[in-house]
Full PDB file with SEQRES, HELIX, SHEET, SSBOND, CRYST1, ORIGX, SCALE, CONECT and MASTER records, all heavy atoms in Angstrom:
SEQRES   1 A   30  GLY ARG TRP PRO ALA SER VAL VAL CYS ALA VAL LEU VAL          
SEQRES   2 A   30  LEU ILE ILE SER VAL VAL ALA LEU ALA ALA SER VAL ASN          
SEQRES   3 A   30  GLY PRO HIS ALA                                              
HELIX    1 AA1 ALA A    5  ASN A   26  1                                  22    
CRYST1    1.000    1.000    1.000  90.00  90.00  90.00 P 1           1          
ORIGX1      1.000000  0.000000  0.000000        0.00000                         
ORIGX2      0.000000  1.000000  0.000000        0.00000                         
ORIGX3      0.000000  0.000000  1.000000        0.00000                         
SCALE1      1.000000  0.000000  0.000000        0.00000                         
SCALE2      0.000000  1.000000  0.000000        0.00000                         
SCALE3      0.000000  0.000000  1.000000        0.00000                         
ATOM      1  N   GLY A   1      -2.285  13.788 -19.447  1.00  0.00           N  
ATOM      2  CA  GLY A   1      -1.509  14.580 -18.489  1.00  0.00           C  
ATOM      3  C   GLY A   1      -0.835  13.813 -17.381  1.00  0.00           C  
ATOM      4  O   GLY A   1      -0.566  14.408 -16.375  1.00  0.00           O  
ATOM      5  N   ARG A   2      -0.609  12.516 -17.599  1.00  0.00           N  
ATOM      6  CA  ARG A   2      -0.121  11.682 -16.494  1.00  0.00           C  
ATOM      7  C   ARG A   2       1.331  12.117 -16.159  1.00  0.00           C  
ATOM      8  O   ARG A   2       2.088  12.633 -16.967  1.00  0.00           O  
ATOM      9  CB  ARG A   2      -0.178  10.247 -16.855  1.00  0.00           C  
ATOM     10  CG  ARG A   2       0.607   9.785 -18.052  1.00  0.00           C  
ATOM     11  CD  ARG A   2       0.424   8.334 -18.319  1.00  0.00           C  
ATOM     12  NE  ARG A   2       1.167   7.905 -19.490  1.00  0.00           N  
ATOM     13  CZ  ARG A   2       0.698   7.958 -20.710  1.00  0.00           C  
ATOM     14  NH1 ARG A   2      -0.405   8.448 -20.951  1.00  0.00           N  
ATOM     15  NH2 ARG A   2       1.419   7.535 -21.739  1.00  0.00           N  
ATOM     16  N   TRP A   3       1.730  11.817 -14.869  1.00  0.00           N  
ATOM     17  CA  TRP A   3       3.051  12.170 -14.412  1.00  0.00           C  
ATOM     18  C   TRP A   3       4.051  11.148 -14.896  1.00  0.00           C  
ATOM     19  O   TRP A   3       3.746   9.965 -15.013  1.00  0.00           O  
ATOM     20  CB  TRP A   3       3.063  12.199 -12.901  1.00  0.00           C  
ATOM     21  CG  TRP A   3       2.291  13.319 -12.294  1.00  0.00           C  
ATOM     22  CD1 TRP A   3       0.963  13.288 -11.963  1.00  0.00           C  
ATOM     23  CD2 TRP A   3       2.718  14.642 -12.046  1.00  0.00           C  
ATOM     24  NE1 TRP A   3       0.567  14.487 -11.454  1.00  0.00           N  
ATOM     25  CE2 TRP A   3       1.610  15.316 -11.538  1.00  0.00           C  
ATOM     26  CE3 TRP A   3       3.954  15.260 -12.153  1.00  0.00           C  
ATOM     27  CZ2 TRP A   3       1.716  16.640 -11.127  1.00  0.00           C  
ATOM     28  CZ3 TRP A   3       4.034  16.598 -11.790  1.00  0.00           C  
ATOM     29  CH2 TRP A   3       2.912  17.286 -11.242  1.00  0.00           C  
ATOM     30  N   PRO A   4       5.340  11.503 -15.073  1.00  0.00           N  
ATOM     31  CA  PRO A   4       6.351  10.568 -15.411  1.00  0.00           C  
ATOM     32  C   PRO A   4       6.553   9.544 -14.335  1.00  0.00           C  
ATOM     33  O   PRO A   4       6.387   9.854 -13.150  1.00  0.00           O  
ATOM     34  CB  PRO A   4       7.606  11.451 -15.634  1.00  0.00           C  
ATOM     35  CG  PRO A   4       7.088  12.810 -15.842  1.00  0.00           C  
ATOM     36  CD  PRO A   4       5.799  12.902 -15.067  1.00  0.00           C  
ATOM     37  N   ALA A   5       6.982   8.318 -14.695  1.00  0.00           N  
ATOM     38  CA  ALA A   5       7.157   7.239 -13.677  1.00  0.00           C  
ATOM     39  C   ALA A   5       8.138   7.651 -12.631  1.00  0.00           C  
ATOM     40  O   ALA A   5       8.020   7.332 -11.419  1.00  0.00           O  
ATOM     41  CB  ALA A   5       7.544   5.986 -14.363  1.00  0.00           C  
ATOM     42  N   SER A   6       9.238   8.369 -13.044  1.00  0.00           N  
ATOM     43  CA  SER A   6      10.260   8.738 -12.094  1.00  0.00           C  
ATOM     44  C   SER A   6       9.746   9.653 -11.016  1.00  0.00           C  
ATOM     45  O   SER A   6      10.126   9.533  -9.806  1.00  0.00           O  
ATOM     46  CB  SER A   6      11.425   9.457 -12.803  1.00  0.00           C  
ATOM     47  OG  SER A   6      10.981  10.604 -13.465  1.00  0.00           O  
ATOM     48  N   VAL A   7       8.802  10.575 -11.373  1.00  0.00           N  
ATOM     49  CA  VAL A   7       8.251  11.473 -10.384  1.00  0.00           C  
ATOM     50  C   VAL A   7       7.301  10.687  -9.443  1.00  0.00           C  
ATOM     51  O   VAL A   7       7.309  10.893  -8.213  1.00  0.00           O  
ATOM     52  CB  VAL A   7       7.412  12.590 -11.076  1.00  0.00           C  
ATOM     53  CG1 VAL A   7       6.696  13.482 -10.076  1.00  0.00           C  
ATOM     54  CG2 VAL A   7       8.353  13.404 -11.930  1.00  0.00           C  
ATOM     55  N   VAL A   8       6.532   9.726  -9.943  1.00  0.00           N  
ATOM     56  CA  VAL A   8       5.647   8.921  -9.154  1.00  0.00           C  
ATOM     57  C   VAL A   8       6.473   8.140  -8.142  1.00  0.00           C  
ATOM     58  O   VAL A   8       6.108   8.074  -6.952  1.00  0.00           O  
ATOM     59  CB  VAL A   8       4.772   8.006  -9.992  1.00  0.00           C  
ATOM     60  CG1 VAL A   8       3.920   7.056  -9.148  1.00  0.00           C  
ATOM     61  CG2 VAL A   8       3.894   8.839 -10.943  1.00  0.00           C  
ATOM     62  N   CYS A   9       7.549   7.518  -8.606  1.00  0.00           N  
ATOM     63  CA  CYS A   9       8.391   6.715  -7.665  1.00  0.00           C  
ATOM     64  C   CYS A   9       8.980   7.609  -6.607  1.00  0.00           C  
ATOM     65  O   CYS A   9       9.049   7.182  -5.413  1.00  0.00           O  
ATOM     66  CB  CYS A   9       9.524   6.061  -8.492  1.00  0.00           C  
ATOM     67  SG  CYS A   9       8.924   4.712  -9.591  1.00  0.00           S  
ATOM     68  N   ALA A  10       9.478   8.741  -6.943  1.00  0.00           N  
ATOM     69  CA  ALA A  10      10.039   9.680  -5.947  1.00  0.00           C  
ATOM     70  C   ALA A  10       9.042  10.045  -4.894  1.00  0.00           C  
ATOM     71  O   ALA A  10       9.337  10.105  -3.693  1.00  0.00           O  
ATOM     72  CB  ALA A  10      10.606  10.878  -6.631  1.00  0.00           C  
ATOM     73  N   VAL A  11       7.784  10.315  -5.306  1.00  0.00           N  
ATOM     74  CA  VAL A  11       6.744  10.670  -4.351  1.00  0.00           C  
ATOM     75  C   VAL A  11       6.413   9.495  -3.422  1.00  0.00           C  
ATOM     76  O   VAL A  11       6.249   9.647  -2.229  1.00  0.00           O  
ATOM     77  CB  VAL A  11       5.502  11.129  -5.129  1.00  0.00           C  
ATOM     78  CG1 VAL A  11       4.300  11.308  -4.155  1.00  0.00           C  
ATOM     79  CG2 VAL A  11       5.736  12.438  -5.868  1.00  0.00           C  
ATOM     80  N   LEU A  12       6.374   8.297  -3.989  1.00  0.00           N  
ATOM     81  CA  LEU A  12       6.102   7.090  -3.175  1.00  0.00           C  
ATOM     82  C   LEU A  12       7.164   6.891  -2.174  1.00  0.00           C  
ATOM     83  O   LEU A  12       6.919   6.557  -1.014  1.00  0.00           O  
ATOM     84  CB  LEU A  12       5.960   5.881  -4.076  1.00  0.00           C  
ATOM     85  CG  LEU A  12       4.668   5.818  -4.943  1.00  0.00           C  
ATOM     86  CD1 LEU A  12       4.751   4.665  -5.866  1.00  0.00           C  
ATOM     87  CD2 LEU A  12       3.421   5.737  -4.066  1.00  0.00           C  
ATOM     88  N   VAL A  13       8.455   7.014  -2.575  1.00  0.00           N  
ATOM     89  CA  VAL A  13       9.567   6.840  -1.668  1.00  0.00           C  
ATOM     90  C   VAL A  13       9.465   7.876  -0.508  1.00  0.00           C  
ATOM     91  O   VAL A  13       9.668   7.501   0.667  1.00  0.00           O  
ATOM     92  CB  VAL A  13      10.884   6.963  -2.378  1.00  0.00           C  
ATOM     93  CG1 VAL A  13      12.038   7.060  -1.372  1.00  0.00           C  
ATOM     94  CG2 VAL A  13      11.106   5.778  -3.329  1.00  0.00           C  
ATOM     95  N   LEU A  14       9.114   9.097  -0.855  1.00  0.00           N  
ATOM     96  CA  LEU A  14       9.005  10.139   0.164  1.00  0.00           C  
ATOM     97  C   LEU A  14       7.927   9.778   1.156  1.00  0.00           C  
ATOM     98  O   LEU A  14       8.045   9.914   2.344  1.00  0.00           O  
ATOM     99  CB  LEU A  14       8.770  11.487  -0.484  1.00  0.00           C  
ATOM    100  CG  LEU A  14       8.516  12.687   0.449  1.00  0.00           C  
ATOM    101  CD1 LEU A  14       9.791  12.907   1.287  1.00  0.00           C  
ATOM    102  CD2 LEU A  14       8.210  13.942  -0.296  1.00  0.00           C  
ATOM    103  N   ILE A  15       6.775   9.351   0.675  1.00  0.00           N  
ATOM    104  CA  ILE A  15       5.641   9.005   1.523  1.00  0.00           C  
ATOM    105  C   ILE A  15       6.031   7.866   2.473  1.00  0.00           C  
ATOM    106  O   ILE A  15       5.739   7.860   3.693  1.00  0.00           O  
ATOM    107  CB  ILE A  15       4.394   8.644   0.691  1.00  0.00           C  
ATOM    108  CG1 ILE A  15       3.847   9.881  -0.044  1.00  0.00           C  
ATOM    109  CG2 ILE A  15       3.296   8.042   1.568  1.00  0.00           C  
ATOM    110  CD1 ILE A  15       2.769   9.598  -0.980  1.00  0.00           C  
ATOM    111  N   ILE A  16       6.677   6.803   1.936  1.00  0.00           N  
ATOM    112  CA  ILE A  16       7.083   5.674   2.728  1.00  0.00           C  
ATOM    113  C   ILE A  16       8.074   6.085   3.821  1.00  0.00           C  
ATOM    114  O   ILE A  16       7.977   5.659   4.975  1.00  0.00           O  
ATOM    115  CB  ILE A  16       7.695   4.546   1.828  1.00  0.00           C  
ATOM    116  CG1 ILE A  16       6.591   3.967   0.935  1.00  0.00           C  
ATOM    117  CG2 ILE A  16       8.318   3.482   2.715  1.00  0.00           C  
ATOM    118  CD1 ILE A  16       7.110   3.061  -0.146  1.00  0.00           C  
ATOM    119  N   SER A  17       8.967   6.964   3.482  1.00  0.00           N  
ATOM    120  CA  SER A  17       9.981   7.457   4.463  1.00  0.00           C  
ATOM    121  C   SER A  17       9.316   8.204   5.597  1.00  0.00           C  
ATOM    122  O   SER A  17       9.687   8.012   6.760  1.00  0.00           O  
ATOM    123  CB  SER A  17      11.008   8.339   3.753  1.00  0.00           C  
ATOM    124  OG  SER A  17      11.677   7.633   2.724  1.00  0.00           O  
ATOM    125  N   VAL A  18       8.371   9.063   5.275  1.00  0.00           N  
ATOM    126  CA  VAL A  18       7.645   9.818   6.288  1.00  0.00           C  
ATOM    127  C   VAL A  18       6.838   8.927   7.175  1.00  0.00           C  
ATOM    128  O   VAL A  18       6.852   9.077   8.439  1.00  0.00           O  
ATOM    129  CB  VAL A  18       6.713  10.839   5.604  1.00  0.00           C  
ATOM    130  CG1 VAL A  18       5.792  11.554   6.631  1.00  0.00           C  
ATOM    131  CG2 VAL A  18       7.505  11.899   4.897  1.00  0.00           C  
ATOM    132  N   VAL A  19       6.172   7.900   6.595  1.00  0.00           N  
ATOM    133  CA  VAL A  19       5.364   6.966   7.427  1.00  0.00           C  
ATOM    134  C   VAL A  19       6.326   6.180   8.359  1.00  0.00           C  
ATOM    135  O   VAL A  19       6.006   5.983   9.519  1.00  0.00           O  
ATOM    136  CB  VAL A  19       4.605   6.032   6.511  1.00  0.00           C  
ATOM    137  CG1 VAL A  19       3.946   4.890   7.313  1.00  0.00           C  
ATOM    138  CG2 VAL A  19       3.535   6.797   5.774  1.00  0.00           C  
ATOM    139  N   ALA A  20       7.471   5.707   7.838  1.00  0.00           N  
ATOM    140  CA  ALA A  20       8.427   4.961   8.674  1.00  0.00           C  
ATOM    141  C   ALA A  20       8.966   5.834   9.825  1.00  0.00           C  
ATOM    142  O   ALA A  20       9.081   5.355  10.936  1.00  0.00           O  
ATOM    143  CB  ALA A  20       9.541   4.453   7.783  1.00  0.00           C  
ATOM    144  N   LEU A  21       9.268   7.058   9.539  1.00  0.00           N  
ATOM    145  CA  LEU A  21       9.747   7.979  10.570  1.00  0.00           C  
ATOM    146  C   LEU A  21       8.707   8.197  11.674  1.00  0.00           C  
ATOM    147  O   LEU A  21       9.038   8.168  12.830  1.00  0.00           O  
ATOM    148  CB  LEU A  21      10.217   9.255   9.947  1.00  0.00           C  
ATOM    149  CG  LEU A  21      10.737  10.372  10.893  1.00  0.00           C  
ATOM    150  CD1 LEU A  21      11.990   9.843  11.608  1.00  0.00           C  
ATOM    151  CD2 LEU A  21      11.012  11.667  10.154  1.00  0.00           C  
ATOM    152  N   ALA A  22       7.466   8.386  11.213  1.00  0.00           N  
ATOM    153  CA  ALA A  22       6.388   8.597  12.182  1.00  0.00           C  
ATOM    154  C   ALA A  22       6.185   7.416  13.082  1.00  0.00           C  
ATOM    155  O   ALA A  22       5.935   7.491  14.297  1.00  0.00           O  
ATOM    156  CB  ALA A  22       5.118   8.986  11.420  1.00  0.00           C  
ATOM    157  N   ALA A  23       6.313   6.229  12.497  1.00  0.00           N  
ATOM    158  CA  ALA A  23       6.131   5.016  13.303  1.00  0.00           C  
ATOM    159  C   ALA A  23       7.190   4.833  14.359  1.00  0.00           C  
ATOM    160  O   ALA A  23       6.985   4.418  15.449  1.00  0.00           O  
ATOM    161  CB  ALA A  23       6.096   3.780  12.311  1.00  0.00           C  
ATOM    162  N   SER A  24       8.478   5.176  13.921  1.00  0.00           N  
ATOM    163  CA  SER A  24       9.586   5.035  14.891  1.00  0.00           C  
ATOM    164  C   SER A  24       9.475   5.989  16.018  1.00  0.00           C  
ATOM    165  O   SER A  24       9.906   5.734  17.136  1.00  0.00           O  
ATOM    166  CB  SER A  24      10.921   5.235  14.153  1.00  0.00           C  
ATOM    167  OG  SER A  24      11.030   6.563  13.648  1.00  0.00           O  
ATOM    168  N   VAL A  25       8.915   7.202  15.795  1.00  0.00           N  
ATOM    169  CA  VAL A  25       8.788   8.197  16.809  1.00  0.00           C  
ATOM    170  C   VAL A  25       7.621   7.950  17.751  1.00  0.00           C  
ATOM    171  O   VAL A  25       7.715   8.052  18.999  1.00  0.00           O  
ATOM    172  CB  VAL A  25       8.597   9.610  16.174  1.00  0.00           C  
ATOM    173  CG1 VAL A  25       8.270  10.663  17.255  1.00  0.00           C  
ATOM    174  CG2 VAL A  25       9.885  10.027  15.437  1.00  0.00           C  
ATOM    175  N   ASN A  26       6.481   7.483  17.146  1.00  0.00           N  
ATOM    176  CA  ASN A  26       5.279   7.357  17.970  1.00  0.00           C  
ATOM    177  C   ASN A  26       5.027   5.897  18.407  1.00  0.00           C  
ATOM    178  O   ASN A  26       4.038   5.652  19.145  1.00  0.00           O  
ATOM    179  CB  ASN A  26       4.038   7.804  17.147  1.00  0.00           C  
ATOM    180  CG  ASN A  26       4.164   9.279  16.762  1.00  0.00           C  
ATOM    181  OD1 ASN A  26       4.618  10.072  17.571  1.00  0.00           O  
ATOM    182  ND2 ASN A  26       3.755   9.635  15.541  1.00  0.00           N  
ATOM    183  N   GLY A  27       5.841   4.988  18.027  1.00  0.00           N  
ATOM    184  CA  GLY A  27       5.638   3.584  18.390  1.00  0.00           C  
ATOM    185  C   GLY A  27       5.907   3.326  19.871  1.00  0.00           C  
ATOM    186  O   GLY A  27       6.409   4.226  20.581  1.00  0.00           O  
ATOM    187  N   PRO A  28       5.603   2.059  20.377  1.00  0.00           N  
ATOM    188  CA  PRO A  28       5.845   1.763  21.814  1.00  0.00           C  
ATOM    189  C   PRO A  28       7.302   1.769  22.188  1.00  0.00           C  
ATOM    190  O   PRO A  28       8.157   1.415  21.359  1.00  0.00           O  
ATOM    191  CB  PRO A  28       5.285   0.330  21.940  1.00  0.00           C  
ATOM    192  CG  PRO A  28       5.297  -0.241  20.561  1.00  0.00           C  
ATOM    193  CD  PRO A  28       5.088   0.903  19.663  1.00  0.00           C  
ATOM    194  N   HIS A  29       7.633   2.228  23.403  1.00  0.00           N  
ATOM    195  CA  HIS A  29       9.029   2.336  23.839  1.00  0.00           C  
ATOM    196  C   HIS A  29       9.242   1.280  24.893  1.00  0.00           C  
ATOM    197  O   HIS A  29       8.367   1.022  25.743  1.00  0.00           O  
ATOM    198  CB  HIS A  29       9.366   3.709  24.373  1.00  0.00           C  
ATOM    199  CG  HIS A  29       9.218   4.816  23.309  1.00  0.00           C  
ATOM    200  ND1 HIS A  29      10.280   5.066  22.476  1.00  0.00           N  
ATOM    201  CD2 HIS A  29       8.196   5.606  22.985  1.00  0.00           C  
ATOM    202  CE1 HIS A  29       9.907   6.087  21.625  1.00  0.00           C  
ATOM    203  NE2 HIS A  29       8.667   6.405  21.935  1.00  0.00           N  
ATOM    204  N   ALA A  30      10.475   0.759  25.099  1.00  0.00           N  
ATOM    205  CA  ALA A  30      10.799  -0.220  26.123  1.00  0.00           C  
ATOM    206  C   ALA A  30      10.873   0.431  27.457  1.00  0.00           C  
ATOM    207  O   ALA A  30      11.308   1.576  27.575  1.00  0.00           O  
ATOM    208  CB  ALA A  30      12.146  -0.924  25.806  1.00  0.00           C  
TER     209      ALA A  30                                                      
MASTER        0    0    0    1    0    0    0    6  208    1    0    3          
END                                                                             
């Protein structure tokens, strides 16, 4: 019942994007 590779890649890209956005919002400011 494994997921297709395209679906897995899309989920990974989404997760990375969310993490990057959170870092830019919550990271240290000048």
